[in-house]
Amino acid sequence: MTRIPFPRLISALAVLIIALLLVWGLVTPWGLGLDFANFYDIGRKTRLGEFDNLYDAWAPIGGQEPLGHMKFLGFPIAGYLYTPLSLFSPHIAIFVFKLAGSAAVVAGLALLYRQCRPLAARPETYLALFLVAAMFWQPFWTFLRVGGQTTPFAFLLLVIAHGVYVRNRMVAAALLMSAIVVLKPVFAPMAILLFVVSGNRFRLTALIVMAVLTAASLAIYGWAPHAQFLERLAMQDNRLLGPWMNSAPFAWISGLLIDPAIYGSDTYLQSWQTAPIRVLRPLTAGLVCYGGYLSLRGDLPGHARRQVMFLTGIMVVFSLSAVLWAHYLMWLFPVIALLIAGRRYLPAAALCLLALAIVLGLCQSYILLRQLELHVGFRNYANATGFGLVKSLPVFLILVVWIVWRRDIAQILRDPACAFRGQESPRIQQYIVDKVKKPAR
């Protein structure tokens, strides 16, 4: 196995750069009218009881203009999560929101490293690779540019849910997945998949939680906001969005089918313009699920089967979603972290594609996007399609690795260290003795 030089120095430099990125994003007053405004306004509407206007981005709030005009895509009852923000002035609230999101990112990364470290033969090398990958993975930092997001909290919950699910704590896993879906409805396909393949403890807990939340939401808000929410979700497939803004694996295709002159207009696409992507998304999700099914048919231990089911759920989310904002890609990092830790099982071609995907994570930066839009522009087919392809490649490449090298990944997941028990497997302990600690002759 390749050994990188000066792993401690590389780790220290990566930590320093990550810390500087966080501080820079916290102290810079970015995004007051962007994503932050979305959550701040929803919190104000919920606190004031203006439920009929919950999904009207232009409606006055308490007789005042809204802070922003972004469209809210969360469940109605999720509005109560944002009411604490509305108790502060926007400038204080945005700092608190960014700070909490940064803490969630750091906590999620620390927990994820702790879960995956036993799988690595050389912990120092793995720490260096893990931190460098996190540093390159711009979704962890671009959320600060838009004023903060709830994505970091979903990331932390996802990492925790991954651990408890693999350890067969199904009640806790169902509670966490329910919270994730309420926070980010884009996880609904994963929750449905886990509901189907998991045991009765998971199913019963999920049913009870969602039934209680649905009943409470209907009792508080009435039916009208829920109808607006469902209507908005149904329109996502036909939403006009520049491919350079969408990190979904096939979003770049729209750059070939849509006149660049209409980008920026408040319009929706025709069915023929979205037809290719509508076909490719479920086809890719089907390949992911079929690969998971084939893996489960093999002789896998219990923890490996649960790994396959949970990680397949994550990959289904990234296969099916019509819109993947750049910050959503932080949810893909648990897959990346496991592949890096178990890289000795993967062939060179898979590692090269994984490394390319991580490096291209830099192109998810909202700062880079704005500079390119300012100096290059995306108002022609070549630019719109070209940068759309670059934006889509990280998810696309990881999907390719996941589908093509399914058997190799199954070998990673069947390793006892993937049981997330916090200790190296006997296989890795022997590898360390034989290959790492034994002095060269």
Protein backbone atom coordinates (compact mmCIF):
# COMPACT_ATOMS: atom_id res chain seq x y z
CA MET A 1 0.00 0.00 0.00
CA THR A 2 1.27 3.47 -0.90
CA ARG A 3 2.58 5.42 2.03
CA ILE A 4 2.42 9.21 1.83
CA PRO A 5 5.33 11.24 3.25
CA PHE A 6 4.95 13.49 6.30
CA PRO A 7 1.35 12.51 7.16
CA ARG A 8 1.35 14.49 10.42
CA LEU A 9 2.52 17.65 8.68
CA ILE A 10 -0.09 17.22 5.95
CA SER A 11 -2.79 16.67 8.59
CA ALA A 12 -1.73 19.79 10.50
CA LEU A 13 -1.76 21.93 7.35
CA ALA A 14 -5.18 20.58 6.34
CA VAL A 15 -6.61 21.33 9.79
CA LEU A 16 -5.18 24.86 9.61
CA ILE A 17 -6.70 25.49 6.18
CA ILE A 18 -10.06 24.06 7.26
CA ALA A 19 -10.06 26.28 10.36
CA LEU A 20 -9.20 29.35 8.26
CA LEU A 21 -12.00 28.54 5.81
CA LEU A 22 -14.48 28.30 8.68
CA VAL A 23 -13.32 31.54 10.30
CA TRP A 24 -13.38 33.33 6.94
CA GLY A 25 -16.93 32.18 6.29
CA LEU A 26 -18.06 33.13 9.79
CA VAL A 27 -16.67 36.65 9.92
CA THR A 28 -17.66 37.58 6.35
CA PRO A 29 -21.29 38.79 6.18
CA TRP A 30 -22.20 36.61 3.20
CA GLY A 31 -25.66 35.41 2.25
CA LEU A 32 -27.99 37.68 4.21
CA GLY A 33 -30.47 37.60 1.33
CA LEU A 34 -29.76 34.05 0.15
CA ASP A 35 -30.40 30.70 1.86
CA PHE A 36 -30.30 32.18 5.34
CA ALA A 37 -33.16 34.53 4.47
CA ASN A 38 -35.25 31.52 3.48
CA PHE A 39 -35.05 29.95 6.95
CA TYR A 40 -35.23 33.29 8.76
CA ASP A 41 -38.44 34.27 6.94
CA ILE A 42 -40.04 30.86 7.52
CA GLY A 43 -39.21 31.18 11.22
CA ARG A 44 -40.86 34.61 11.32
CA LYS A 45 -43.98 33.37 9.52
CA THR A 46 -44.28 30.38 11.85
CA ARG A 47 -43.80 32.48 14.99
CA LEU A 48 -46.45 34.97 13.83
CA GLY A 49 -48.86 32.23 12.74
CA GLU A 50 -48.93 33.31 9.09
CA PHE A 51 -49.34 29.76 7.85
CA ASP A 52 -51.29 30.58 4.68
CA ASN A 53 -48.28 32.46 3.30
CA LEU A 54 -45.72 29.85 4.33
CA TYR A 55 -44.80 29.04 0.72
CA ASP A 56 -45.33 32.53 -0.71
CA ALA A 57 -41.82 33.98 -0.93
CA TRP A 58 -43.11 37.49 -1.74
CA ALA A 59 -45.81 37.85 0.92
CA PRO A 60 -45.21 40.48 3.66
CA ILE A 61 -44.38 39.10 7.10
CA GLY A 62 -45.96 40.98 9.98
CA GLY A 63 -46.57 43.88 7.61
CA GLN A 64 -42.89 44.03 6.63
CA GLU A 65 -41.04 42.94 3.52
CA PRO A 66 -39.44 39.48 3.70
CA LEU A 67 -35.69 39.34 4.03
CA GLY A 68 -35.39 37.26 0.84
CA HIS A 69 -37.48 35.68 -1.90
CA MET A 70 -36.24 32.10 -2.06
CA LYS A 71 -38.74 29.25 -2.24
CA PHE A 72 -39.04 27.07 0.86
CA LEU A 73 -38.98 23.32 0.16
CA GLY A 74 -39.37 21.89 3.66
CA PHE A 75 -42.29 20.30 5.46
CA PRO A 76 -44.62 22.87 7.08
CA ILE A 77 -43.91 21.64 10.61
CA ALA A 78 -40.18 22.17 10.02
CA GLY A 79 -40.89 25.90 10.33
CA TYR A 80 -40.77 25.56 14.11
CA LEU A 81 -37.10 24.61 13.85
CA TYR A 82 -36.34 28.11 12.57
CA THR A 83 -38.44 30.19 14.95
CA PRO A 84 -35.47 30.71 17.34
CA LEU A 85 -33.64 32.53 14.53
CA SER A 86 -36.50 35.01 14.21
CA LEU A 87 -35.99 36.12 17.82
CA PHE A 88 -32.72 37.83 16.81
CA SER A 89 -31.90 40.56 14.36
CA PRO A 90 -30.84 39.21 10.94
CA HIS A 91 -27.15 40.05 11.48
CA ILE A 92 -26.98 38.24 14.82
CA ALA A 93 -29.12 35.35 13.61
CA ILE A 94 -26.96 34.71 10.54
CA PHE A 95 -23.82 34.52 12.67
CA VAL A 96 -25.48 32.09 15.10
CA PHE A 97 -26.79 30.02 12.18
CA LYS A 98 -23.36 29.84 10.51
CA LEU A 99 -21.65 29.05 13.81
CA ALA A 100 -24.06 26.21 14.56
CA GLY A 101 -23.64 24.84 11.03
CA SER A 102 -19.85 24.98 11.32
CA ALA A 103 -19.99 23.12 14.64
CA ALA A 104 -22.19 20.46 13.01
CA VAL A 105 -19.68 20.02 10.17
CA VAL A 106 -16.73 19.66 12.56
CA ALA A 107 -18.64 17.25 14.82
CA GLY A 108 -19.81 15.19 11.85
CA LEU A 109 -16.31 14.94 10.39
CA ALA A 110 -14.81 13.98 13.76
CA LEU A 111 -17.40 11.26 14.30
CA LEU A 112 -17.06 9.99 10.74
CA TYR A 113 -13.28 9.74 11.09
CA ARG A 114 -13.67 7.88 14.37
CA GLN A 115 -16.06 5.39 12.74
CA CYS A 116 -13.88 4.73 9.69
CA ARG A 117 -10.39 4.86 11.24
CA PRO A 118 -10.32 1.21 12.41
CA LEU A 119 -10.64 0.15 8.77
CA ALA A 120 -7.41 1.93 7.82
CA ALA A 121 -4.13 0.02 8.00
CA ARG A 122 -2.14 3.19 8.71
CA PRO A 123 -4.19 5.58 10.87
CA GLU A 124 -1.77 8.49 10.40
CA THR A 125 -1.93 8.16 6.63
CA TYR A 126 -5.70 7.83 6.73
CA LEU A 127 -6.06 10.95 8.87
CA ALA A 128 -4.00 12.93 6.35
CA LEU A 129 -6.02 11.64 3.39
CA PHE A 130 -9.31 12.17 5.23
CA LEU A 131 -8.50 15.78 6.11
CA VAL A 132 -7.17 16.62 2.64
CA ALA A 133 -10.33 15.16 1.08
CA ALA A 134 -12.49 17.21 3.47
CA MET A 135 -10.47 20.32 2.64
CA PHE A 136 -11.00 19.82 -1.11
CA TRP A 137 -14.67 18.94 -0.67
CA GLN A 138 -16.09 22.44 -1.07
CA PRO A 139 -19.67 21.48 -0.09
CA PHE A 140 -18.41 21.59 3.51
CA TRP A 141 -17.55 25.28 3.16
CA THR A 142 -19.75 26.70 0.42
CA PHE A 143 -22.79 26.66 2.74
CA LEU A 144 -21.20 29.60 4.57
CA ARG A 145 -21.24 31.66 1.37
CA VAL A 146 -25.03 31.45 1.15
CA GLY A 147 -25.58 32.50 4.76
CA GLY A 148 -25.67 29.06 6.33
CA GLN A 149 -27.81 26.03 5.64
CA THR A 150 -29.55 23.16 7.39
CA THR A 151 -27.46 20.72 5.33
CA PRO A 152 -24.68 20.49 7.98
CA PHE A 153 -27.22 19.41 10.60
CA ALA A 154 -28.56 16.74 8.25
CA PHE A 155 -24.94 15.65 7.66
CA LEU A 156 -24.31 15.23 11.38
CA LEU A 157 -27.58 13.31 11.84
CA LEU A 158 -26.72 11.14 8.82
CA VAL A 159 -23.32 10.20 10.25
CA ILE A 160 -24.90 9.32 13.60
CA ALA A 161 -27.69 7.36 11.88
CA HIS A 162 -25.11 5.47 9.83
CA GLY A 163 -23.32 4.35 12.98
CA VAL A 164 -26.39 3.24 14.90
CA TYR A 165 -27.90 1.50 11.87
CA VAL A 166 -24.77 -0.56 11.25
CA ARG A 167 -24.71 -1.49 14.94
CA ASN A 168 -28.32 -2.71 14.55
CA ARG A 169 -29.90 -0.09 16.82
CA MET A 170 -32.97 0.19 14.66
CA VAL A 171 -35.18 2.31 16.91
CA ALA A 172 -32.55 5.03 17.15
CA ALA A 173 -31.84 4.76 13.42
CA ALA A 174 -35.53 5.20 12.57
CA LEU A 175 -35.81 8.24 14.85
CA LEU A 176 -32.76 9.82 13.25
CA MET A 177 -33.90 9.09 9.69
CA SER A 178 -37.30 10.60 10.47
CA ALA A 179 -35.59 13.76 11.72
CA ILE A 180 -33.42 13.89 8.58
CA VAL A 181 -36.45 13.60 6.29
CA VAL A 182 -38.28 16.38 8.15
CA LEU A 183 -35.18 18.55 7.84
CA LYS A 184 -34.46 17.59 4.20
CA PRO A 185 -37.33 15.89 2.29
CA VAL A 186 -34.84 14.92 -0.43
CA PHE A 187 -33.97 11.95 1.83
CA ALA A 188 -37.46 10.45 1.42
CA PRO A 189 -36.28 7.81 -1.13
CA MET A 190 -33.59 6.63 1.27
CA ALA A 191 -36.08 6.45 4.13
CA ILE A 192 -38.49 4.44 1.98
CA LEU A 193 -35.73 2.03 0.93
CA LEU A 194 -34.63 1.48 4.53
CA PHE A 195 -38.26 1.02 5.54
CA VAL A 196 -38.57 -1.79 2.98
CA VAL A 197 -35.31 -3.62 3.73
CA SER A 198 -35.05 -3.10 7.50
CA GLY A 199 -36.73 -5.05 10.26
CA ASN A 200 -39.99 -4.43 12.09
CA ARG A 201 -38.39 -2.30 14.82
CA PHE A 202 -37.29 0.22 12.23
CA ARG A 203 -40.63 0.11 10.40
CA LEU A 204 -42.80 0.45 13.49
CA THR A 205 -40.74 3.32 14.91
CA ALA A 206 -40.71 5.17 11.59
CA LEU A 207 -44.47 4.71 11.16
CA ILE A 208 -45.25 6.00 14.64
CA VAL A 209 -42.96 9.03 14.34
CA MET A 210 -44.19 10.06 10.91
CA ALA A 211 -47.83 9.49 11.88
CA VAL A 212 -47.45 11.70 14.96
CA LEU A 213 -45.60 14.42 13.02
CA THR A 214 -48.13 14.35 10.17
CA ALA A 215 -51.09 14.55 12.54
CA ALA A 216 -49.50 17.40 14.48
CA SER A 217 -48.64 19.27 11.29
CA LEU A 218 -52.16 18.94 9.91
CA ALA A 219 -53.68 20.00 13.23
CA ILE A 220 -51.48 23.09 13.46
CA TYR A 221 -51.29 24.23 9.84
CA GLY A 222 -54.36 22.78 8.17
CA TRP A 223 -54.36 21.19 4.73
CA ALA A 224 -53.64 24.23 2.55
CA PRO A 225 -49.88 24.60 3.32
CA HIS A 226 -49.39 20.85 2.84
CA ALA A 227 -51.07 21.02 -0.58
CA GLN A 228 -48.75 23.89 -1.52
CA PHE A 229 -45.75 21.88 -0.32
CA LEU A 230 -46.71 18.84 -2.41
CA GLU A 231 -47.37 21.03 -5.44
CA ARG A 232 -43.95 22.63 -5.10
CA LEU A 233 -42.25 19.23 -4.84
CA ALA A 234 -44.06 18.01 -7.95
CA MET A 235 -42.77 21.02 -9.92
CA GLN A 236 -39.10 20.39 -9.10
CA ASP A 237 -38.57 18.15 -12.14
CA ASN A 238 -39.59 20.96 -14.51
CA ARG A 239 -37.82 23.75 -12.67
CA LEU A 240 -35.54 25.91 -14.81
CA LEU A 241 -32.11 25.85 -13.23
CA GLY A 242 -28.79 26.52 -14.90
CA PRO A 243 -26.67 23.33 -15.08
CA TRP A 244 -23.82 25.23 -13.43
CA MET A 245 -26.06 25.56 -10.35
CA ASN A 246 -27.04 21.89 -10.20
CA SER A 247 -24.65 19.13 -9.07
CA ALA A 248 -26.96 16.26 -10.06
CA PRO A 249 -25.08 13.68 -12.19
CA PHE A 250 -27.04 14.36 -15.40
CA ALA A 251 -27.87 18.06 -14.96
CA TRP A 252 -25.35 19.01 -17.66
CA ILE A 253 -27.61 17.46 -20.31
CA SER A 254 -30.08 20.33 -19.89
CA GLY A 255 -27.38 22.68 -21.17
CA LEU A 256 -27.73 20.97 -24.56
CA LEU A 257 -31.53 21.18 -24.70
CA ILE A 258 -32.33 24.62 -23.31
CA ASP A 259 -31.74 28.01 -24.90
CA PRO A 260 -29.21 29.72 -22.57
CA ALA A 261 -31.02 33.02 -23.12
CA ILE A 262 -33.92 31.93 -20.90
CA TYR A 263 -31.75 31.16 -17.85
CA GLY A 264 -32.69 33.44 -14.98
CA SER A 265 -36.34 33.72 -16.01
CA ASP A 266 -39.11 32.49 -13.75
CA THR A 267 -40.34 29.71 -16.00
CA TYR A 268 -40.67 25.94 -16.06
CA LEU A 269 -39.42 23.50 -18.66
CA GLN A 270 -41.45 21.47 -21.13
CA SER A 271 -41.63 17.70 -20.78
CA TRP A 272 -39.40 16.95 -23.79
CA GLN A 273 -36.63 19.10 -22.30
CA THR A 274 -36.51 17.02 -19.12
CA ALA A 275 -37.28 13.62 -20.69
CA PRO A 276 -33.66 12.36 -21.01
CA ILE A 277 -32.89 13.14 -17.38
CA ARG A 278 -36.21 11.67 -16.25
CA VAL A 279 -35.14 8.39 -17.86
CA LEU A 280 -31.52 8.39 -16.67
CA ARG A 281 -32.29 9.14 -13.01
CA PRO A 282 -34.47 6.09 -12.23
CA LEU A 283 -32.27 3.93 -14.47
CA THR A 284 -29.20 4.86 -12.41
CA ALA A 285 -31.09 4.37 -9.15
CA GLY A 286 -32.19 0.97 -10.44
CA LEU A 287 -28.57 -0.01 -11.15
CA VAL A 288 -27.58 1.11 -7.65
CA CYS A 289 -30.38 -0.90 -6.05
CA TYR A 290 -29.68 -3.95 -8.22
CA GLY A 291 -26.02 -3.83 -7.20
CA GLY A 292 -27.10 -3.66 -3.57
CA TYR A 293 -29.43 -6.61 -4.12
CA LEU A 294 -26.61 -8.68 -5.64
CA SER A 295 -24.35 -7.81 -2.72
CA LEU A 296 -27.02 -8.83 -0.22
CA ARG A 297 -27.43 -12.18 -1.99
CA GLY A 298 -23.80 -12.94 -1.17
CA ASP A 299 -22.45 -14.37 2.05
CA LEU A 300 -22.16 -11.12 3.99
CA PRO A 301 -22.07 -10.79 7.79
CA GLY A 302 -24.81 -8.79 9.46
CA HIS A 303 -22.89 -5.53 9.77
CA ALA A 304 -21.89 -5.67 6.08
CA ARG A 305 -25.50 -6.20 5.02
CA ARG A 306 -26.55 -3.14 7.01
CA GLN A 307 -23.68 -1.14 5.49
CA VAL A 308 -24.85 -2.10 2.01
CA MET A 309 -28.45 -1.11 2.78
CA PHE A 310 -27.60 2.23 4.36
CA LEU A 311 -25.00 3.31 1.79
CA THR A 312 -27.23 2.16 -1.07
CA GLY A 313 -29.88 4.48 0.36
CA ILE A 314 -27.46 7.41 0.21
CA MET A 315 -26.53 6.60 -3.40
CA VAL A 316 -30.22 6.37 -4.35
CA VAL A 317 -30.74 9.92 -3.07
CA PHE A 318 -27.95 11.16 -5.34
CA SER A 319 -29.26 9.11 -8.27
CA LEU A 320 -32.91 10.18 -8.11
CA SER A 321 -32.77 13.84 -7.09
CA ALA A 322 -33.63 16.29 -9.86
CA VAL A 323 -31.79 19.11 -8.09
CA LEU A 324 -28.64 18.69 -6.01
CA TRP A 325 -27.37 21.95 -4.60
CA ALA A 326 -23.60 22.03 -4.08
CA HIS A 327 -23.86 21.86 -0.29
CA TYR A 328 -25.91 18.64 -0.58
CA LEU A 329 -22.74 16.84 -1.63
CA MET A 330 -21.45 16.81 1.96
CA TRP A 331 -23.90 13.92 2.46
CA LEU A 332 -21.78 11.91 0.04
CA PHE A 333 -18.71 12.17 2.25
CA PRO A 334 -19.52 9.09 4.42
CA VAL A 335 -19.17 7.01 1.24
CA ILE A 336 -15.93 8.79 0.32
CA ALA A 337 -14.49 8.33 3.82
CA LEU A 338 -15.16 4.57 3.77
CA LEU A 339 -13.64 4.16 0.32
CA ILE A 340 -10.51 6.03 1.38
CA ALA A 341 -10.19 3.92 4.54
CA GLY A 342 -10.58 0.69 2.58
CA ARG A 343 -8.62 1.80 -0.45
CA ARG A 344 -6.37 -1.30 -0.31
CA TYR A 345 -9.36 -3.31 -1.56
CA LEU A 346 -9.92 -1.07 -4.61
CA PRO A 347 -8.12 -1.29 -7.96
CA ALA A 348 -6.05 1.62 -9.24
CA ALA A 349 -8.73 2.73 -11.72
CA ALA A 350 -11.33 3.10 -8.96
CA LEU A 351 -8.88 5.07 -6.80
CA CYS A 352 -8.07 7.39 -9.70
CA LEU A 353 -11.76 8.16 -10.30
CA LEU A 354 -12.30 8.69 -6.58
CA ALA A 355 -9.34 11.08 -6.40
CA LEU A 356 -10.60 12.98 -9.46
CA ALA A 357 -14.05 13.32 -7.90
CA ILE A 358 -12.53 14.74 -4.71
CA VAL A 359 -10.35 17.25 -6.58
CA LEU A 360 -13.31 18.35 -8.71
CA GLY A 361 -15.10 19.07 -5.44
CA LEU A 362 -13.29 22.41 -5.62
CA CYS A 363 -15.57 23.33 -8.53
CA GLN A 364 -18.59 23.17 -6.21
CA SER A 365 -17.42 26.43 -4.63
CA TYR A 366 -20.05 29.16 -4.87
CA ILE A 367 -17.28 31.78 -4.89
CA LEU A 368 -15.67 30.17 -7.95
CA LEU A 369 -19.07 29.86 -9.60
CA ARG A 370 -19.83 33.56 -9.17
CA GLN A 371 -16.43 34.58 -10.53
CA LEU A 372 -16.85 32.37 -13.59
CA GLU A 373 -20.34 33.71 -14.18
CA LEU A 374 -19.01 37.27 -13.93
CA HIS A 375 -15.93 36.90 -16.14
CA VAL A 376 -16.84 34.04 -18.49
CA GLY A 377 -20.61 33.88 -18.50
CA PHE A 378 -22.88 30.92 -19.14
CA ARG A 379 -25.09 32.43 -21.83
CA ASN A 380 -24.04 30.04 -24.58
CA TYR A 381 -24.35 26.30 -25.05
CA ALA A 382 -20.65 25.52 -24.70
CA ASN A 383 -20.13 27.32 -21.39
CA ALA A 384 -23.42 26.18 -19.86
CA THR A 385 -22.84 22.55 -20.82
CA GLY A 386 -19.11 22.54 -20.08
CA PHE A 387 -19.26 23.88 -16.57
CA GLY A 388 -22.46 21.94 -15.95
CA LEU A 389 -20.49 18.78 -16.74
CA VAL A 390 -17.72 19.79 -14.33
CA LYS A 391 -20.35 20.41 -11.62
CA SER A 392 -21.96 17.03 -12.24
CA LEU A 393 -18.77 14.96 -12.40
CA PRO A 394 -18.09 14.42 -8.66
CA VAL A 395 -21.42 12.66 -8.07
CA PHE A 396 -21.28 10.92 -11.44
CA LEU A 397 -17.77 9.54 -10.84
CA ILE A 398 -18.61 8.24 -7.37
CA LEU A 399 -21.72 6.57 -8.79
CA VAL A 400 -19.52 4.91 -11.41
CA VAL A 401 -17.13 3.65 -8.74
CA TRP A 402 -20.03 2.39 -6.64
CA ILE A 403 -21.69 0.50 -9.53
CA VAL A 404 -18.66 -0.80 -11.44
CA TRP A 405 -16.57 -1.93 -8.47
CA ARG A 406 -19.45 -3.28 -6.41
CA ARG A 407 -17.64 -6.52 -5.53
CA ASP A 408 -14.52 -4.70 -4.32
CA ILE A 409 -16.63 -2.36 -2.20
CA ALA A 410 -18.42 -5.39 -0.73
CA GLN A 411 -15.02 -6.65 0.41
CA ILE A 412 -14.47 -3.36 2.21
CA LEU A 413 -17.84 -3.56 3.92
CA ARG A 414 -17.48 -7.18 4.99
CA ASP A 415 -14.28 -6.35 6.91
CA PRO A 416 -15.03 -6.64 10.67
CA ALA A 417 -13.73 -3.09 11.15
CA CYS A 418 -16.79 -1.86 9.22
CA ALA A 419 -18.97 -3.01 12.11
CA PHE A 420 -18.17 0.39 13.70
CA ARG A 421 -17.23 -1.20 17.03
CA GLY A 422 -14.33 1.19 17.50
CA GLN A 423 -11.48 -1.28 17.12
CA GLU A 424 -9.41 -2.71 14.30
CA SER A 425 -10.35 -6.10 12.96
CA PRO A 426 -7.94 -9.02 13.48
CA ARG A 427 -7.22 -8.90 9.74
CA ILE A 428 -6.05 -5.29 9.94
CA GLN A 429 -4.12 -5.89 13.16
CA GLN A 430 -2.19 -8.68 11.43
CA TYR A 431 -1.67 -6.49 8.36
CA ILE A 432 -0.20 -3.75 10.54
CA VAL A 433 2.16 -6.25 12.17
CA ASP A 434 3.24 -7.80 8.87
CA LYS A 435 3.40 -4.78 6.55
CA VAL A 436 3.58 -1.60 8.57
CA LYS A 437 5.35 -2.09 11.87
CA LYS A 438 7.80 -4.77 10.72
CA PRO A 439 11.06 -3.01 9.77
CA ALA A 440 12.31 -3.36 6.22
CA ARG A 441 15.24 -5.73 5.78
